Amino acid sequence: MTRPSLIAAAALTLAAAPVFAQSAQQTASASAGSVQPGSQEWLRVRGEMYNRAPDSEQNPAEVEATARLNAEIAARNAAAEQSEMDGQSAYEQENARWQAETSKIETQRAQWEADTAAADAARAQWERDRAAWEAEMDACRRSGRVCISAPPQGY
């Protein structure tokens, strides 16, 4: 074979490798469907092996270390769960406080707007009363009479 032919053959082999791997995996998956999950056969089909040694063959130091590690992991998981619950509780309390404060501010804003509208209406009424009084006083002065009248309240 020539060098370009070897390169082409290698490239073809590399390109086809995923197809072969996938078909092998599908074959293993198809045969795994008929075995009990977790069984030795199920593990073997997936290329895994787990053979638990009898208790008499267990290394007590390893068993103790494994138990200690498992206990540490369980404690960290419990602490993380508690921390998450504490964080969620703190969030909910802060959110409730924020909502109450927002509601209070909105109520105050609505009251301020109502007070401003009432003040504007009172000012407009006073200006109308003042204009009417001034018109009345001008008419009285033009008639030559002595005019005695109090201006509208608030002047």
N, C-alpha and C. Protein backbone atom coordinates (compact mmCIF):
# COMPACT_ATOMS: atom_id res chain seq x y z
N MET A 1 0.84 -1.18 0.00
CA MET A 1 0.00 0.00 0.00
C MET A 1 0.88 1.23 0.00
N THR A 2 0.36 2.25 -0.59
CA THR A 2 1.09 3.50 -0.61
C THR A 2 0.73 4.33 0.61
N ARG A 3 1.54 5.31 0.85
CA ARG A 3 1.33 6.14 2.04
C ARG A 3 -0.05 6.83 2.02
N PRO A 4 -0.50 7.43 0.92
CA PRO A 4 -1.83 8.05 0.91
C PRO A 4 -2.93 7.01 1.18
N SER A 5 -2.73 5.79 0.71
CA SER A 5 -3.74 4.76 0.96
C SER A 5 -3.81 4.43 2.43
N LEU A 6 -2.66 4.37 3.11
CA LEU A 6 -2.63 4.10 4.55
C LEU A 6 -3.32 5.23 5.32
N ILE A 7 -3.05 6.46 4.91
CA ILE A 7 -3.68 7.60 5.58
C ILE A 7 -5.19 7.55 5.39
N ALA A 8 -5.63 7.23 4.18
CA ALA A 8 -7.06 7.14 3.90
C ALA A 8 -7.70 6.02 4.71
N ALA A 9 -7.02 4.88 4.82
CA ALA A 9 -7.54 3.75 5.59
C ALA A 9 -7.64 4.12 7.07
N ALA A 10 -6.64 4.82 7.59
CA ALA A 10 -6.65 5.25 9.00
C ALA A 10 -7.79 6.24 9.25
N ALA A 11 -7.96 7.18 8.34
CA ALA A 11 -9.04 8.17 8.48
C ALA A 11 -10.40 7.50 8.45
N LEU A 12 -10.56 6.53 7.54
CA LEU A 12 -11.82 5.79 7.44
C LEU A 12 -12.09 5.01 8.72
N THR A 13 -11.05 4.39 9.27
CA THR A 13 -11.19 3.63 10.51
C THR A 13 -11.59 4.56 11.65
N LEU A 14 -10.94 5.71 11.75
CA LEU A 14 -11.27 6.68 12.80
C LEU A 14 -12.70 7.21 12.64
N ALA A 15 -13.11 7.44 11.42
CA ALA A 15 -14.46 7.95 11.17
C ALA A 15 -15.51 6.90 11.51
N ALA A 16 -15.19 5.63 11.31
CA ALA A 16 -16.16 4.57 11.56
C ALA A 16 -16.18 4.11 13.00
N ALA A 17 -15.19 4.47 13.80
CA ALA A 17 -15.09 4.01 15.20
C ALA A 17 -16.33 4.35 16.01
N PRO A 18 -16.87 5.58 15.95
CA PRO A 18 -18.07 5.86 16.75
C PRO A 18 -19.26 5.00 16.36
N VAL A 19 -19.37 4.66 15.08
CA VAL A 19 -20.47 3.81 14.63
C VAL A 19 -20.35 2.43 15.23
N PHE A 20 -19.14 1.88 15.22
CA PHE A 20 -18.93 0.56 15.81
C PHE A 20 -19.18 0.59 17.31
N ALA A 21 -18.71 1.64 17.97
CA ALA A 21 -18.91 1.76 19.42
C ALA A 21 -20.40 1.88 19.75
N GLN A 22 -21.11 2.64 18.95
CA GLN A 22 -22.54 2.81 19.19
C GLN A 22 -23.29 1.50 18.98
N SER A 23 -22.95 0.77 17.94
CA SER A 23 -23.65 -0.50 17.71
C SER A 23 -23.34 -1.48 18.83
N ALA A 24 -22.11 -1.47 19.36
CA ALA A 24 -21.77 -2.35 20.48
C ALA A 24 -22.56 -1.94 21.72
N GLN A 25 -22.69 -0.62 21.92
CA GLN A 25 -23.44 -0.14 23.08
C GLN A 25 -24.92 -0.49 22.94
N GLN A 26 -25.46 -0.38 21.74
CA GLN A 26 -26.86 -0.75 21.53
C GLN A 26 -27.07 -2.23 21.78
N THR A 27 -26.13 -3.05 21.37
CA THR A 27 -26.22 -4.49 21.63
C THR A 27 -26.22 -4.75 23.12
N ALA A 28 -25.33 -4.07 23.84
CA ALA A 28 -25.26 -4.24 25.30
C ALA A 28 -26.55 -3.74 25.94
N SER A 29 -27.09 -2.62 25.44
CA SER A 29 -28.34 -2.09 26.00
C SER A 29 -29.50 -3.04 25.73
N ALA A 30 -29.51 -3.61 24.54
CA ALA A 30 -30.60 -4.54 24.21
C ALA A 30 -30.54 -5.76 25.10
N SER A 31 -29.34 -6.28 25.33
CA SER A 31 -29.24 -7.46 26.19
C SER A 31 -29.44 -7.08 27.65
N ALA A 32 -29.14 -5.81 28.01
CA ALA A 32 -29.32 -5.37 29.40
C ALA A 32 -30.81 -5.25 29.74
N GLY A 33 -31.65 -5.07 28.75
CA GLY A 33 -33.08 -4.94 29.01
C GLY A 33 -33.68 -6.21 29.58
N SER A 34 -33.03 -7.32 29.37
CA SER A 34 -33.58 -8.59 29.85
C SER A 34 -33.01 -9.01 31.19
N VAL A 35 -32.07 -8.24 31.75
CA VAL A 35 -31.48 -8.60 33.03
C VAL A 35 -31.96 -7.65 34.11
N GLN A 36 -31.89 -8.12 35.35
CA GLN A 36 -32.33 -7.35 36.51
C GLN A 36 -31.34 -6.21 36.79
N PRO A 37 -31.79 -4.95 36.84
CA PRO A 37 -30.88 -3.85 37.15
C PRO A 37 -30.21 -4.09 38.51
N GLY A 38 -28.89 -3.86 38.54
CA GLY A 38 -28.13 -4.05 39.76
C GLY A 38 -27.55 -5.44 39.92
N SER A 39 -27.97 -6.36 39.09
CA SER A 39 -27.46 -7.73 39.22
C SER A 39 -26.04 -7.81 38.64
N GLN A 40 -25.36 -8.92 38.92
CA GLN A 40 -24.01 -9.11 38.40
C GLN A 40 -24.02 -9.09 36.86
N GLU A 41 -25.01 -9.72 36.27
CA GLU A 41 -25.11 -9.75 34.81
C GLU A 41 -25.32 -8.34 34.25
N TRP A 42 -26.14 -7.58 34.93
CA TRP A 42 -26.43 -6.19 34.53
C TRP A 42 -25.14 -5.37 34.56
N LEU A 43 -24.35 -5.53 35.62
CA LEU A 43 -23.08 -4.83 35.72
C LEU A 43 -22.09 -5.30 34.65
N ARG A 44 -22.06 -6.64 34.42
CA ARG A 44 -21.13 -7.20 33.44
C ARG A 44 -21.43 -6.66 32.04
N VAL A 45 -22.71 -6.56 31.69
CA VAL A 45 -23.09 -6.06 30.37
C VAL A 45 -22.59 -4.63 30.18
N ARG A 46 -22.54 -3.88 31.24
CA ARG A 46 -22.08 -2.50 31.16
C ARG A 46 -20.56 -2.39 31.36
N GLY A 47 -19.91 -3.48 31.47
CA GLY A 47 -18.46 -3.47 31.62
C GLY A 47 -18.01 -3.19 33.04
N GLU A 48 -18.90 -3.36 34.00
CA GLU A 48 -18.55 -3.11 35.38
C GLU A 48 -18.56 -4.42 36.15
N MET A 49 -17.75 -4.47 37.14
CA MET A 49 -17.73 -5.65 37.99
C MET A 49 -17.76 -5.21 39.44
N TYR A 50 -18.58 -5.84 40.22
CA TYR A 50 -18.61 -5.57 41.66
C TYR A 50 -18.86 -6.90 42.34
N ASN A 51 -17.89 -7.34 43.03
CA ASN A 51 -18.03 -8.57 43.78
C ASN A 51 -17.71 -8.25 45.23
N ARG A 52 -18.71 -8.22 46.05
CA ARG A 52 -18.52 -7.92 47.46
C ARG A 52 -17.86 -9.14 48.11
N ALA A 53 -16.80 -8.85 48.80
CA ALA A 53 -16.11 -9.94 49.50
C ALA A 53 -16.93 -10.31 50.74
N PRO A 54 -16.87 -11.55 51.15
CA PRO A 54 -17.56 -11.94 52.38
C PRO A 54 -17.01 -11.16 53.56
N ASP A 55 -17.81 -11.03 54.65
CA ASP A 55 -17.40 -10.27 55.82
C ASP A 55 -16.07 -10.76 56.39
N SER A 56 -15.83 -12.06 56.29
CA SER A 56 -14.59 -12.61 56.84
C SER A 56 -13.36 -12.08 56.09
N GLU A 57 -13.54 -11.67 54.84
CA GLU A 57 -12.43 -11.18 54.04
C GLU A 57 -12.33 -9.65 54.04
N GLN A 58 -13.27 -8.97 54.68
CA GLN A 58 -13.26 -7.50 54.71
C GLN A 58 -12.13 -7.02 55.61
N ASN A 59 -11.49 -5.96 55.20
CA ASN A 59 -10.43 -5.34 56.00
C ASN A 59 -11.12 -4.42 57.01
N PRO A 60 -11.02 -4.69 58.31
CA PRO A 60 -11.71 -3.88 59.31
C PRO A 60 -11.33 -2.40 59.24
N ALA A 61 -10.11 -2.09 58.92
CA ALA A 61 -9.69 -0.69 58.82
C ALA A 61 -10.40 0.00 57.66
N GLU A 62 -10.52 -0.70 56.54
CA GLU A 62 -11.22 -0.13 55.39
C GLU A 62 -12.70 0.03 55.67
N VAL A 63 -13.30 -0.96 56.34
CA VAL A 63 -14.72 -0.88 56.68
C VAL A 63 -14.96 0.31 57.61
N GLU A 64 -14.07 0.48 58.59
CA GLU A 64 -14.19 1.59 59.53
C GLU A 64 -14.00 2.93 58.81
N ALA A 65 -13.00 3.00 57.94
CA ALA A 65 -12.76 4.24 57.19
C ALA A 65 -13.94 4.57 56.30
N THR A 66 -14.51 3.56 55.65
CA THR A 66 -15.68 3.77 54.79
C THR A 66 -16.87 4.26 55.61
N ALA A 67 -17.09 3.64 56.77
CA ALA A 67 -18.20 4.05 57.64
C ALA A 67 -18.00 5.49 58.10
N ARG A 68 -16.75 5.83 58.46
CA ARG A 68 -16.45 7.19 58.92
C ARG A 68 -16.69 8.19 57.78
N LEU A 69 -16.21 7.87 56.59
CA LEU A 69 -16.42 8.75 55.44
C LEU A 69 -17.91 8.91 55.12
N ASN A 70 -18.64 7.80 55.16
CA ASN A 70 -20.08 7.87 54.92
C ASN A 70 -20.78 8.73 55.96
N ALA A 71 -20.36 8.62 57.23
CA ALA A 71 -20.94 9.45 58.28
C ALA A 71 -20.62 10.92 58.06
N GLU A 72 -19.39 11.22 57.65
CA GLU A 72 -19.00 12.61 57.36
C GLU A 72 -19.82 13.17 56.20
N ILE A 73 -19.99 12.36 55.18
CA ILE A 73 -20.78 12.80 54.02
C ILE A 73 -22.22 13.05 54.44
N ALA A 74 -22.79 12.14 55.23
CA ALA A 74 -24.16 12.32 55.71
C ALA A 74 -24.28 13.57 56.56
N ALA A 75 -23.28 13.82 57.42
CA ALA A 75 -23.30 15.03 58.26
C ALA A 75 -23.21 16.29 57.41
N ARG A 76 -22.32 16.29 56.40
CA ARG A 76 -22.21 17.46 55.51
C ARG A 76 -23.51 17.67 54.73
N ASN A 77 -24.11 16.58 54.28
CA ASN A 77 -25.38 16.71 53.55
C ASN A 77 -26.46 17.27 54.46
N ALA A 78 -26.52 16.80 55.71
CA ALA A 78 -27.52 17.31 56.65
C ALA A 78 -27.26 18.78 56.95
N ALA A 79 -25.98 19.14 57.13
CA ALA A 79 -25.65 20.56 57.39
C ALA A 79 -26.00 21.42 56.18
N ALA A 80 -25.74 20.93 54.99
CA ALA A 80 -26.08 21.69 53.78
C ALA A 80 -27.58 21.84 53.65
N GLU A 81 -28.31 20.78 53.95
CA GLU A 81 -29.77 20.86 53.88
C GLU A 81 -30.31 21.86 54.91
N GLN A 82 -29.75 21.82 56.13
CA GLN A 82 -30.18 22.77 57.16
C GLN A 82 -29.84 24.20 56.75
N SER A 83 -28.66 24.38 56.18
CA SER A 83 -28.24 25.70 55.72
C SER A 83 -29.18 26.20 54.62
N GLU A 84 -29.55 25.32 53.74
CA GLU A 84 -30.47 25.69 52.66
C GLU A 84 -31.84 26.07 53.23
N MET A 85 -32.31 25.30 54.21
CA MET A 85 -33.61 25.61 54.82
C MET A 85 -33.53 26.94 55.57
N ASP A 86 -32.40 27.19 56.28
CA ASP A 86 -32.23 28.46 56.98
C ASP A 86 -32.20 29.62 56.00
N GLY A 87 -31.49 29.43 54.90
CA GLY A 87 -31.42 30.46 53.87
C GLY A 87 -32.78 30.74 53.26
N GLN A 88 -33.54 29.69 53.00
CA GLN A 88 -34.88 29.86 52.44
C GLN A 88 -35.78 30.60 53.42
N SER A 89 -35.68 30.24 54.70
CA SER A 89 -36.47 30.90 55.73
C SER A 89 -36.10 32.38 55.83
N ALA A 90 -34.80 32.67 55.83
CA ALA A 90 -34.34 34.06 55.89
C ALA A 90 -34.83 34.84 54.67
N TYR A 91 -34.78 34.22 53.51
CA TYR A 91 -35.26 34.86 52.29
C TYR A 91 -36.75 35.18 52.40
N GLU A 92 -37.52 34.21 52.87
CA GLU A 92 -38.97 34.42 52.97
C GLU A 92 -39.29 35.52 53.98
N GLN A 93 -38.55 35.57 55.10
CA GLN A 93 -38.78 36.63 56.08
C GLN A 93 -38.41 37.99 55.50
N GLU A 94 -37.29 38.06 54.83
CA GLU A 94 -36.86 39.34 54.24
C GLU A 94 -37.83 39.76 53.13
N ASN A 95 -38.30 38.81 52.36
CA ASN A 95 -39.25 39.11 51.30
C ASN A 95 -40.56 39.63 51.89
N ALA A 96 -41.03 39.02 52.98
CA ALA A 96 -42.25 39.48 53.64
C ALA A 96 -42.05 40.89 54.20
N ARG A 97 -40.87 41.15 54.81
CA ARG A 97 -40.57 42.49 55.32
C ARG A 97 -40.56 43.51 54.18
N TRP A 98 -39.94 43.15 53.07
CA TRP A 98 -39.88 44.05 51.92
C TRP A 98 -41.28 44.33 51.38
N GLN A 99 -42.10 43.30 51.27
CA GLN A 99 -43.45 43.50 50.77
C GLN A 99 -44.27 44.39 51.70
N ALA A 100 -44.10 44.20 53.03
CA ALA A 100 -44.82 45.05 53.98
C ALA A 100 -44.34 46.50 53.86
N GLU A 101 -43.03 46.69 53.74
CA GLU A 101 -42.49 48.04 53.60
C GLU A 101 -42.95 48.68 52.30
N THR A 102 -42.95 47.91 51.23
CA THR A 102 -43.42 48.42 49.94
C THR A 102 -44.89 48.81 50.02
N SER A 103 -45.68 47.99 50.67
CA SER A 103 -47.10 48.29 50.83
C SER A 103 -47.30 49.57 51.63
N LYS A 104 -46.53 49.72 52.69
CA LYS A 104 -46.61 50.93 53.53
C LYS A 104 -46.24 52.17 52.71
N ILE A 105 -45.17 52.07 51.94
CA ILE A 105 -44.74 53.20 51.11
C ILE A 105 -45.80 53.54 50.06
N GLU A 106 -46.37 52.53 49.46
CA GLU A 106 -47.43 52.77 48.46
C GLU A 106 -48.64 53.44 49.11
N THR A 107 -48.98 53.03 50.33
CA THR A 107 -50.09 53.66 51.04
C THR A 107 -49.76 55.12 51.33
N GLN A 108 -48.54 55.37 51.79
CA GLN A 108 -48.13 56.75 52.05
C GLN A 108 -48.14 57.59 50.78
N ARG A 109 -47.69 57.01 49.68
CA ARG A 109 -47.70 57.73 48.40
C ARG A 109 -49.12 58.06 47.98
N ALA A 110 -50.02 57.10 48.12
CA ALA A 110 -51.42 57.34 47.76
C ALA A 110 -52.02 58.43 48.65
N GLN A 111 -51.68 58.42 49.95
CA GLN A 111 -52.18 59.46 50.85
C GLN A 111 -51.62 60.82 50.47
N TRP A 112 -50.32 60.86 50.13
CA TRP A 112 -49.72 62.13 49.71
C TRP A 112 -50.41 62.66 48.46
N GLU A 113 -50.68 61.77 47.50
CA GLU A 113 -51.35 62.21 46.27
C GLU A 113 -52.75 62.73 46.57
N ALA A 114 -53.45 62.07 47.49
CA ALA A 114 -54.80 62.53 47.87
C ALA A 114 -54.71 63.88 48.57
N ASP A 115 -53.73 64.04 49.48
CA ASP A 115 -53.56 65.31 50.18
C ASP A 115 -53.21 66.43 49.20
N THR A 116 -52.34 66.13 48.24
CA THR A 116 -51.95 67.12 47.23
C THR A 116 -53.15 67.52 46.38
N ALA A 117 -53.95 66.54 46.00
CA ALA A 117 -55.15 66.84 45.20
C ALA A 117 -56.12 67.70 46.01
N ALA A 118 -56.29 67.40 47.31
CA ALA A 118 -57.19 68.20 48.15
C ALA A 118 -56.65 69.62 48.30
N ALA A 119 -55.33 69.75 48.48
CA ALA A 119 -54.73 71.09 48.61
C ALA A 119 -54.89 71.87 47.31
N ASP A 120 -54.69 71.22 46.19
CA ASP A 120 -54.86 71.88 44.89
C ASP A 120 -56.31 72.33 44.69
N ALA A 121 -57.24 71.47 45.09
CA ALA A 121 -58.66 71.82 44.96
C ALA A 121 -59.00 73.00 45.88
N ALA A 122 -58.46 73.00 47.11
CA ALA A 122 -58.71 74.10 48.05
C ALA A 122 -58.12 75.40 47.51
N ARG A 123 -56.91 75.33 46.96
CA ARG A 123 -56.28 76.52 46.39
C ARG A 123 -57.11 77.06 45.22
N ALA A 124 -57.56 76.17 44.36
CA ALA A 124 -58.37 76.60 43.22
C ALA A 124 -59.68 77.26 43.70
N GLN A 125 -60.30 76.67 44.73
CA GLN A 125 -61.53 77.26 45.27
C GLN A 125 -61.23 78.63 45.87
N TRP A 126 -60.13 78.76 46.61
CA TRP A 126 -59.77 80.05 47.21
C TRP A 126 -59.53 81.09 46.11
N GLU A 127 -58.83 80.69 45.04
CA GLU A 127 -58.57 81.62 43.94
C GLU A 127 -59.87 82.07 43.28
N ARG A 128 -60.83 81.15 43.13
CA ARG A 128 -62.13 81.53 42.57
C ARG A 128 -62.86 82.50 43.51
N ASP A 129 -62.84 82.18 44.82
CA ASP A 129 -63.49 83.06 45.81
C ASP A 129 -62.83 84.44 45.81
N ARG A 130 -61.51 84.47 45.74
CA ARG A 130 -60.76 85.73 45.75
C ARG A 130 -61.10 86.54 44.51
N ALA A 131 -61.13 85.88 43.35
CA ALA A 131 -61.47 86.58 42.11
C ALA A 131 -62.90 87.13 42.18
N ALA A 132 -63.81 86.35 42.73
CA ALA A 132 -65.20 86.83 42.86
C ALA A 132 -65.27 88.03 43.81
N TRP A 133 -64.53 87.98 44.93
CA TRP A 133 -64.53 89.09 45.89
C TRP A 133 -63.95 90.35 45.26
N GLU A 134 -62.83 90.19 44.53
CA GLU A 134 -62.21 91.34 43.88
C GLU A 134 -63.15 91.94 42.85
N ALA A 135 -63.86 91.09 42.11
CA ALA A 135 -64.82 91.60 41.12
C ALA A 135 -65.95 92.35 41.82
N GLU A 136 -66.39 91.83 42.94
CA GLU A 136 -67.46 92.48 43.72
C GLU A 136 -66.99 93.83 44.25
N MET A 137 -65.73 93.87 44.75
CA MET A 137 -65.18 95.11 45.28
C MET A 137 -64.99 96.14 44.17
N ASP A 138 -64.54 95.72 42.99
CA ASP A 138 -64.38 96.64 41.86
C ASP A 138 -65.72 97.22 41.46
N ALA A 139 -66.74 96.38 41.42
CA ALA A 139 -68.09 96.84 41.04
C ALA A 139 -68.60 97.84 42.08
N CYS A 140 -68.33 97.56 43.33
CA CYS A 140 -68.79 98.44 44.41
C CYS A 140 -68.08 99.79 44.32
N ARG A 141 -66.78 99.79 44.08
CA ARG A 141 -66.01 101.03 43.98
C ARG A 141 -66.45 101.86 42.78
N ARG A 142 -66.78 101.21 41.70
CA ARG A 142 -67.23 101.92 40.50
C ARG A 142 -68.59 102.58 40.73
N SER A 143 -69.35 102.05 41.62
CA SER A 143 -70.67 102.61 41.88
C SER A 143 -70.60 103.83 42.80
N GLY A 144 -69.39 104.03 43.40
CA GLY A 144 -69.21 105.20 44.24
C GLY A 144 -69.61 104.97 45.68
N ARG A 145 -69.95 103.82 46.01
CA ARG A 145 -70.33 103.53 47.40
C ARG A 145 -69.10 103.21 48.21
N VAL A 146 -69.31 103.23 49.52
CA VAL A 146 -68.27 102.82 50.43
C VAL A 146 -68.39 101.30 50.56
N CYS A 147 -67.33 100.63 50.28
CA CYS A 147 -67.40 99.16 50.26
C CYS A 147 -66.62 98.62 51.45
N ILE A 148 -67.30 97.90 52.29
CA ILE A 148 -66.67 97.24 53.43
C ILE A 148 -67.02 95.76 53.33
N SER A 149 -66.02 94.97 53.04
CA SER A 149 -66.22 93.54 52.91
C SER A 149 -64.90 92.85 53.19
N ALA A 150 -64.99 91.78 53.88
CA ALA A 150 -63.78 91.03 54.22
C ALA A 150 -63.39 90.14 53.04
N PRO A 151 -62.08 90.05 52.81
CA PRO A 151 -61.66 89.16 51.73
C PRO A 151 -61.90 87.70 52.11
N PRO A 152 -61.82 86.79 51.19
CA PRO A 152 -62.00 85.38 51.49
C PRO A 152 -60.99 84.91 52.53
N GLN A 153 -61.34 83.94 53.29
CA GLN A 153 -60.45 83.39 54.32
C GLN A 153 -59.13 82.93 53.70
N GLY A 154 -58.07 83.11 54.45
CA GLY A 154 -56.76 82.65 54.00
C GLY A 154 -55.97 83.68 53.26
N TYR A 155 -56.47 84.92 53.16
CA TYR A 155 -55.73 85.95 52.43
C TYR A 155 -54.84 86.70 53.35
